[in-house]
Every structure is written in C-alpha cells, then in structure tokens.
Amino acid sequence: MKPTPCSSKYPRPSRITGRPIRRDPSSSRAYYGRGNVYAELGRPRLAIQDWENATQADSQFAPPYHRLGEAYRGMAQLQRALTTLNHALRLDPGNVPSLASRGATYAQLGQFQPAARDLEEAILLDPEHAQSHNNRAYIALNLGKTQQAIQHLNTAISLDPLAGPAYTNRGFAYHRSGRYQQAVQDLDQAVELITEDITAYRRWGLAYDGWEQYRRPREDFDEAILIVPWIGGVYAVRGVANALLGRDSASLRDIDLAAQRGLDRRLVERAIKLERSKAGNQGLGASNSPG
C-alpha cells in the first residue's frame, strides 16, 4: 500500500532547454523548470540534481523543495524528505500538495498523528484534492480501519477516476474485507492505469533502489505488502484474491510477478491458505458480498 505520489501545482515546461541557465547560471527557476522536464522524461537523477541546484541558487523559492521532498520520499529517504518538505512548507505554508506529501511521509515513518493533521489541513484547504483523501486511506489501512479506508478511497476515486494508487489501496482494502472480486477489479484497474501513464510508471519503477533496505524477510503478509514496491504488493494481493476465486492460473502468474519484485512467495502462499481457511469457515459467498 502506498500513498499517492504528489502531483505538483507548479508549471512544468514541455521541453528541455539550456538557454536560460547559460544566460544566468544562478537562475533557480531555470534549474527548477529543467528538473521538471527531466522528471517527465523518467530521468530522476538529473531532475534531482537540477532541483538541488535550484535550492542552492535561491533558498527562498519553495517549488524545488516540494519536488525534492517527493523525490526523496520515492527513494525511501524519508527523514530527508521530511526535512525538505518542512522547509517547503515554511516558505509556502498553505501549499496543499506539500501538506499531502508531508502527511504521506509521516505516515510512511509510522507517525500517524502528525500525518493525519497534515492531511486534514490539506482537505480543509482543498476538499477536492484526491491525493489527500487517498493518503488518509493509507493511514486508515495501516491502523486496521478498513471500512473507513474504503470511504476515503471512494472519495478519492470520485474526484480523480484515473488515480492508480487509489485503486491499489482500495483493492487492498477489499481484499482485507474478503471482497475478492472487487479487489481483483480494482487491482486490474490500478495496473492498467499506472502502466498506461508512462510518467507515473517510470517515477515508481525507477524509485525501487532506495527501498532495498526494507526488503528483509517478513513473517506477516499484510506487513510485507506494505514494504515492497507497490507493484509487488498489487500482484501479491491480486494473486491471493484470484486463488480465492478459483482462478489458479491467474493466481500463479501473480505470485511469480510478486516474487520477481522482492516479495517472498511463501508469504503469498501462506496467505492463500489462511484466506481459504477463513472462507471455508464463513462461506465464500458471504465473504465476497459487498459490505
């Protein structure tokens, strides 16, 4: 389960040009703009370098701090992300994307109270900010409040029907509720949306390296899917749900894909056995019915 990667409110140039930087090597806005283009092209290291140059050129210009905070969070440098986003918000206290991103960072650090405060403030400032609702759901899922998470995610998806991470989290929530058919539908949608969105796919795909530190063996399936890169968790949960729906071939494919992305396949297989046991006790039809 992942919080939404922030989408900045700041303008993004459509092409790379070195002319403004050549004319004025100290131009913070030129470095910031070129960094945004590198990010669009899936070249995060060059983007980060330009955003860092932008902050060195002008320490009072908030937008590059916001983008750096997102980038550091994507690479699992969570404390560094938090420091950077704190600075962004000191410069621009009412910036909703920065509040949402800092809230997500707090949540990933397990600091759910400050996370909730940031996200509540973001929603108060902009009730239609889908990412903030998604990130509130991320907190609810981590606290075991599954139905509350689904409510937040319904809101997020109604505001942004193309939000892949919201479908991911709602798929996880449906899985936890035993609503396997709905889980598979949402996870299918999540994979399709993120794969079609080349920028988002690259942003997530190229950020995996920093999460290696979190890939130590996990004994608990629900904990493990919080740690691996989001796509691994998607395949793992979809694999369990497909197994419970009797789609064994699809389940095996998903388990293989999850294992390729760092998730111990034994955890997935164990989760399938556990869920099958629950379904046998409760009746599969009941566990699949909407709540």
Protein backbone atom coordinates (compact mmCIF):
# COMPACT_ATOMS: atom_id res chain seq x y z
CA MET A 1 0.00 0.00 0.00
CA LYS A 2 1.39 3.31 -0.94
CA PRO A 3 0.39 6.91 -0.50
CA THR A 4 -0.12 8.80 -3.71
CA PRO A 5 2.95 10.36 -5.24
CA CYS A 6 2.26 14.09 -5.12
CA SER A 7 1.37 15.95 -8.28
CA SER A 8 2.72 19.48 -8.08
CA LYS A 9 0.60 22.56 -8.71
CA TYR A 10 3.61 24.25 -10.26
CA PRO A 11 4.03 24.62 -14.05
CA ARG A 12 6.03 22.05 -15.98
CA PRO A 13 7.87 23.09 -19.17
CA SER A 14 7.27 20.89 -22.19
CA ARG A 15 10.88 20.67 -23.42
CA ILE A 16 14.43 20.85 -22.12
CA THR A 17 16.42 23.99 -22.93
CA GLY A 18 19.74 25.09 -21.55
CA ARG A 19 19.48 28.67 -22.76
CA PRO A 20 18.09 30.26 -19.56
CA ILE A 21 20.75 28.51 -17.49
CA ARG A 22 23.54 29.52 -19.85
CA ARG A 23 22.34 33.12 -19.67
CA ASP A 24 22.05 33.05 -15.89
CA PRO A 25 23.71 30.09 -14.12
CA SER A 26 22.19 31.27 -10.83
CA SER A 27 18.60 31.09 -12.13
CA SER A 28 16.68 28.96 -9.65
CA ARG A 29 13.58 28.90 -11.84
CA ALA A 30 15.50 27.69 -14.86
CA TYR A 31 17.01 24.78 -12.92
CA TYR A 32 13.60 24.01 -11.44
CA GLY A 33 11.93 24.03 -14.84
CA ARG A 34 14.53 21.78 -16.43
CA GLY A 35 14.31 19.42 -13.46
CA ASN A 36 10.57 19.10 -14.06
CA VAL A 37 11.19 18.13 -17.67
CA TYR A 38 13.75 15.52 -16.68
CA ALA A 39 11.16 14.11 -14.28
CA GLU A 40 8.59 13.92 -17.09
CA LEU A 41 11.12 12.03 -19.20
CA GLY A 42 11.79 9.48 -16.46
CA ARG A 43 15.31 10.73 -15.64
CA PRO A 44 15.01 11.23 -11.87
CA ARG A 45 18.70 11.62 -11.05
CA LEU A 46 19.07 14.55 -13.44
CA ALA A 47 15.81 16.01 -12.13
CA ILE A 48 17.03 15.81 -8.54
CA GLN A 49 20.35 17.39 -9.49
CA ASP A 50 18.59 20.36 -11.10
CA TRP A 51 16.16 20.80 -8.20
CA GLU A 52 19.07 20.75 -5.77
CA ASN A 53 20.84 23.37 -7.91
CA ALA A 54 17.64 25.43 -7.80
CA THR A 55 17.58 25.40 -3.99
CA GLN A 56 21.24 26.41 -3.86
CA ALA A 57 20.56 29.30 -6.24
CA ASP A 58 17.57 30.54 -4.20
CA SER A 59 16.85 29.05 -0.78
CA GLN A 60 13.58 31.02 -0.57
CA PHE A 61 12.00 29.51 -3.70
CA ALA A 62 9.58 26.83 -2.46
CA PRO A 63 8.70 24.72 -5.54
CA PRO A 64 12.00 22.82 -5.92
CA TYR A 65 11.91 21.89 -2.21
CA HIS A 66 8.47 20.38 -2.80
CA ARG A 67 9.68 18.31 -5.75
CA LEU A 68 12.80 17.21 -3.89
CA GLY A 69 10.71 16.11 -0.95
CA GLU A 70 8.63 13.94 -3.28
CA ALA A 71 11.74 12.53 -4.91
CA TYR A 72 13.46 11.69 -1.62
CA ARG A 73 10.29 10.00 -0.39
CA GLY A 74 10.14 7.96 -3.59
CA MET A 75 13.69 6.75 -2.89
CA ALA A 76 12.81 5.86 0.73
CA GLN A 77 14.97 8.66 2.13
CA LEU A 78 12.12 9.50 4.46
CA GLN A 79 13.89 11.67 7.04
CA ARG A 80 15.50 13.69 4.28
CA ALA A 81 12.12 14.03 2.59
CA LEU A 82 10.57 15.25 5.83
CA THR A 83 13.27 17.88 6.37
CA THR A 84 12.89 19.11 2.79
CA LEU A 85 9.10 19.29 2.93
CA ASN A 86 9.27 21.10 6.27
CA HIS A 87 11.35 23.79 4.54
CA ALA A 88 8.93 23.91 1.59
CA LEU A 89 6.03 24.50 3.98
CA ARG A 90 7.90 27.16 5.94
CA LEU A 91 8.20 29.04 2.66
CA ASP A 92 4.65 28.27 1.48
CA PRO A 93 2.52 27.22 4.48
CA GLY A 94 -0.74 26.77 2.58
CA ASN A 95 0.59 24.57 -0.21
CA VAL A 96 -1.81 21.62 -0.38
CA PRO A 97 0.43 19.24 -2.41
CA SER A 98 3.27 19.82 0.06
CA LEU A 99 0.97 19.19 3.03
CA ALA A 100 -0.28 15.99 1.42
CA SER A 101 3.25 14.85 0.65
CA ARG A 102 4.47 15.59 4.18
CA GLY A 103 1.45 13.77 5.57
CA ALA A 104 2.34 10.75 3.46
CA THR A 105 5.95 10.94 4.64
CA TYR A 106 4.88 10.99 8.29
CA ALA A 107 2.63 8.01 7.60
CA GLN A 108 5.44 6.03 6.00
CA LEU A 109 7.54 6.79 9.07
CA GLY A 110 4.73 5.39 11.23
CA GLN A 111 3.94 8.81 12.72
CA PHE A 112 0.22 8.73 12.10
CA GLN A 113 -0.91 11.64 14.31
CA PRO A 114 1.11 14.36 12.53
CA ALA A 115 0.26 12.64 9.24
CA ALA A 116 -3.46 12.94 9.98
CA ARG A 117 -3.06 16.61 10.98
CA ASP A 118 -1.35 17.47 7.69
CA LEU A 119 -3.93 15.64 5.61
CA GLU A 120 -6.88 17.14 7.50
CA GLU A 121 -5.44 20.60 6.91
CA ALA A 122 -4.89 19.82 3.22
CA ILE A 123 -8.51 18.69 2.81
CA LEU A 124 -9.78 21.73 4.71
CA LEU A 125 -7.88 23.95 2.27
CA ASP A 126 -8.92 21.92 -0.79
CA PRO A 127 -11.70 19.36 -0.24
CA GLU A 128 -11.32 18.14 -3.83
CA HIS A 129 -7.64 17.21 -3.53
CA ALA A 130 -7.89 13.50 -4.33
CA GLN A 131 -4.38 12.68 -3.19
CA SER A 132 -5.10 13.84 0.36
CA HIS A 133 -8.11 11.52 0.60
CA ASN A 134 -6.03 8.64 -0.73
CA ASN A 135 -3.32 9.29 1.83
CA ARG A 136 -5.86 9.40 4.65
CA ALA A 137 -6.96 5.97 3.49
CA TYR A 138 -3.36 4.79 3.64
CA ILE A 139 -3.30 5.74 7.33
CA ALA A 140 -6.62 4.01 7.97
CA LEU A 141 -5.38 0.82 6.30
CA ASN A 142 -2.24 0.83 8.44
CA LEU A 143 -4.39 1.24 11.56
CA GLY A 144 -6.71 -1.60 10.54
CA LYS A 145 -9.68 0.69 9.85
CA THR A 146 -10.65 -0.96 6.59
CA GLN A 147 -14.17 0.41 6.10
CA GLN A 148 -13.00 3.93 6.88
CA ALA A 149 -10.24 3.48 4.30
CA ILE A 150 -12.76 2.38 1.66
CA GLN A 151 -14.84 5.50 2.31
CA HIS A 152 -11.80 7.75 1.84
CA LEU A 153 -10.84 5.88 -1.32
CA ASN A 154 -14.34 6.12 -2.78
CA THR A 155 -13.99 9.88 -2.37
CA ALA A 156 -10.52 9.93 -3.92
CA ILE A 157 -11.63 7.93 -6.96
CA SER A 158 -14.75 10.03 -7.44
CA LEU A 159 -12.52 13.11 -7.55
CA ASP A 160 -9.88 11.53 -9.79
CA PRO A 161 -11.04 8.41 -11.67
CA LEU A 162 -7.53 7.94 -13.11
CA ALA A 163 -5.78 7.70 -9.73
CA GLY A 164 -3.92 4.39 -9.92
CA PRO A 165 -2.69 4.41 -6.28
CA ALA A 166 -6.26 4.91 -5.01
CA TYR A 167 -7.41 1.81 -6.88
CA THR A 168 -4.40 -0.03 -5.44
CA ASN A 169 -5.29 0.87 -1.87
CA ARG A 170 -8.99 0.17 -2.34
CA GLY A 171 -8.11 -3.20 -3.84
CA PHE A 172 -6.06 -3.94 -0.72
CA ALA A 173 -8.97 -2.82 1.46
CA TYR A 174 -11.46 -5.00 -0.41
CA HIS A 175 -9.08 -7.94 -0.03
CA ARG A 176 -8.92 -7.40 3.72
CA SER A 177 -12.72 -7.34 3.78
CA GLY A 178 -12.94 -10.64 1.90
CA ARG A 179 -14.45 -8.92 -1.15
CA TYR A 180 -12.14 -10.69 -3.58
CA GLN A 181 -13.97 -9.99 -6.84
CA GLN A 182 -13.95 -6.25 -6.16
CA ALA A 183 -10.32 -6.47 -5.08
CA VAL A 184 -9.29 -8.03 -8.39
CA GLN A 185 -11.27 -5.46 -10.36
CA ASP A 186 -9.58 -2.57 -8.57
CA LEU A 187 -6.10 -4.07 -8.81
CA ASP A 188 -6.58 -4.75 -12.53
CA GLN A 189 -7.56 -1.10 -12.93
CA ALA A 190 -4.55 0.06 -10.91
CA VAL A 191 -2.07 -1.89 -13.05
CA GLU A 192 -3.70 -0.67 -16.26
CA LEU A 193 -3.73 2.98 -15.22
CA ILE A 194 -0.16 3.10 -13.94
CA THR A 195 1.19 1.15 -16.92
CA GLU A 196 -0.56 3.45 -19.37
CA ASP A 197 0.74 6.54 -17.57
CA ILE A 198 4.38 6.35 -18.69
CA THR A 199 5.48 9.22 -16.46
CA ALA A 200 3.99 7.69 -13.32
CA TYR A 201 5.19 4.21 -14.26
CA ARG A 202 8.75 5.48 -14.64
CA ARG A 203 8.52 7.52 -11.47
CA TRP A 204 7.54 4.46 -9.44
CA GLY A 205 9.68 1.99 -11.36
CA LEU A 206 12.91 3.97 -11.05
CA ALA A 207 12.45 4.61 -7.35
CA TYR A 208 12.80 0.98 -6.25
CA ASP A 209 16.50 1.02 -5.38
CA GLY A 210 16.12 3.02 -2.18
CA TRP A 211 13.62 0.54 -0.78
CA GLU A 212 16.13 -2.34 -0.72
CA GLN A 213 16.74 -1.60 2.97
CA TYR A 214 13.12 -2.56 3.67
CA ARG A 215 13.22 -5.89 1.84
CA ARG A 216 14.33 -8.01 4.77
CA PRO A 217 12.18 -11.13 5.31
CA ARG A 218 8.72 -10.52 6.73
CA GLU A 219 6.67 -13.03 8.63
CA ASP A 220 3.34 -11.29 8.14
CA PHE A 221 1.73 -10.96 4.70
CA ASP A 222 -0.11 -7.71 5.44
CA GLU A 223 3.11 -6.18 6.73
CA ALA A 224 5.13 -7.45 3.79
CA ILE A 225 2.90 -5.89 1.15
CA LEU A 226 3.31 -2.51 2.83
CA ILE A 227 7.07 -2.68 2.35
CA VAL A 228 7.80 -3.99 -1.15
CA PRO A 229 7.47 -1.59 -4.08
CA TRP A 230 3.79 -1.04 -4.70
CA ILE A 231 3.55 -3.18 -7.84
CA GLY A 232 4.81 -6.23 -5.94
CA GLY A 233 2.09 -5.78 -3.36
CA VAL A 234 -0.53 -5.35 -6.08
CA TYR A 235 0.41 -8.63 -7.72
CA ALA A 236 0.58 -10.41 -4.34
CA VAL A 237 -2.88 -9.33 -3.20
CA ARG A 238 -4.38 -10.00 -6.62
CA GLY A 239 -2.76 -13.43 -6.52
CA VAL A 240 -4.48 -14.22 -3.21
CA ALA A 241 -7.82 -12.88 -4.42
CA ASN A 242 -7.62 -14.83 -7.69
CA ALA A 243 -6.85 -18.01 -5.75
CA LEU A 244 -9.91 -17.47 -3.57
CA LEU A 245 -11.99 -17.02 -6.71
CA GLY A 246 -10.71 -20.34 -8.11
CA ARG A 247 -8.54 -18.72 -10.77
CA ASP A 248 -5.46 -20.79 -10.09
CA SER A 249 -3.53 -20.00 -13.29
CA ALA A 250 -4.01 -16.25 -12.82
CA SER A 251 -3.02 -16.59 -9.17
CA LEU A 252 0.22 -18.41 -10.02
CA ARG A 253 1.13 -15.73 -12.57
CA ASP A 254 0.58 -13.02 -9.98
CA ILE A 255 2.64 -14.85 -7.37
CA ASP A 256 5.52 -15.13 -9.85
CA LEU A 257 5.29 -11.41 -10.64
CA ALA A 258 5.23 -10.51 -6.94
CA ALA A 259 8.27 -12.71 -6.28
CA GLN A 260 10.16 -11.01 -9.10
CA ARG A 261 9.62 -7.72 -7.25
CA GLY A 262 11.01 -8.82 -3.93
CA LEU A 263 8.09 -10.43 -2.11
CA ASP A 264 8.70 -13.87 -0.58
CA ARG A 265 6.32 -16.16 -2.45
CA ARG A 266 5.93 -18.32 0.65
CA LEU A 267 4.15 -15.42 2.35
CA VAL A 268 1.68 -15.23 -0.52
CA GLU A 269 1.11 -18.98 -0.48
CA ARG A 270 0.61 -18.89 3.30
CA ALA A 271 -1.88 -16.04 2.93
CA ILE A 272 -3.84 -18.05 0.37
CA LYS A 273 -4.10 -20.99 2.78
CA LEU A 274 -5.22 -18.68 5.59
CA GLU A 275 -7.83 -16.94 3.44
CA ARG A 276 -9.13 -20.26 2.15
CA SER A 277 -9.49 -21.44 5.72
CA LYS A 278 -11.47 -18.32 6.60
CA ALA A 279 -13.62 -18.68 3.50
CA GLY A 280 -14.32 -22.31 4.36
CA ASN A 281 -15.49 -21.33 7.83
CA GLN A 282 -17.59 -18.34 6.73
CA GLY A 283 -18.76 -19.40 3.29
CA LEU A 284 -17.13 -17.85 0.25
CA GLY A 285 -20.30 -16.23 -0.98
CA ALA A 286 -20.72 -14.31 2.27
CA SER A 287 -17.12 -13.14 2.34
CA ASN A 288 -17.38 -11.85 -1.21
CA SER A 289 -20.58 -9.88 -0.68
CA PRO A 290 -20.38 -6.07 -0.56
CA GLY A 291 -20.42 -4.58 2.89
